[in-house]
Amino acid sequence: QSMDSTLHYIHNDSDLSTNSSFSPEEERKSKVQDVVPQALLDQYLSMTDPSRAQTVDTEIAKHCAYSLPGVALTLGRQNWHCLKDTYETLASDMQWKVRRTLAFSIHELAVILGDQLTAGDLVPVFNGFLKDLDEVRIGVLKHLHDFLKLLHVDKRREYLYQLQEFLVTDNSRNWRFRAELAEQLILLLDLYSARDIYDYLRPIAFSLCADKVSSVRWISYKLVSEMVKKLYMASTPTLAIDLMNELVEKFCRCHKWSGRQTFVFICQTISEDDCLPMDQFA
């Protein structure tokens, strides 16, 4: 009962009503809402003030970024205009830890905001994170499938051209980055057509199969076997035949023993996962 009365008070507090002299544009910019006490929201939004970081806590912007999806969920998508400027400020913060925090949660925020607001306000930020430091990019990469599945098909296809950029990292020894890419590509197979898989994902998968680190290669074998399965079950199984012929050419007949070993491991994975009928496998 006390909770109900408190909520009733919050929603009907006359202090929260906007000044009648405001124009609609000014009212939008004033960041007024009626879900939580306005003073509480104002305190939260002030966490991005640079002077607060110098006088209160250097980590305050990171705390603000960490809490933002929860605040957005509480306010609801109809009040996103209250948070939009703060979000953009945090997304361009000088500290990579702040941007990294947002990168790890951008897929959650996309669910809260819905496809229209995501396309307009989150996609540009997402694109910026794709070109950021590896510490920030890994946040986007770990939830790449979760974010892309929320976009319209046309918008989603635009990222096909950028996926191979994940093969390049600031530090080539960062093999976990490539392992995560292989994991995400397995999930992404469900989002793209057979032709897109063959044209864009196949070259990346083959590159990962030849990685110097065995952990990356093992995940990549699984990726290739799932790719064979997906293409074989598609309406144009000729793509699967082409893919298998390329596997034979590229790995089975490779002049290096490691390439031929890769072929055997891929065959093992295809067989174990029943990706093909046995006559086709033979």
Foldseek 3Di string as FASTA:
>chain_A
DVVVVVQVCQQPPPVLDDDPVDDPVVVLVVLGDRQGRPVVLVVLLCLLPPVCCVPPNVCSLQVSLLCVLVVCLSRALVSCSSCLVSVVSQLPDPDVSSVLSNLLCLLSSCVRNAAPCCVVRVVVSLVVQCPDAPSNNLSNLLCVLSNLVRYDLVVSLVCLVVLLVQCDHPDNVPVVSLLSSLVVLLSCLVNDALVSCLPRVLVSLVVQCPDPDVSSNLSSLLSLLSNLLRCCPHPHVVSSVVSVVVLCVQQCPDPDVSSVVSSVSSLVNNVVVVSDPPVVSD
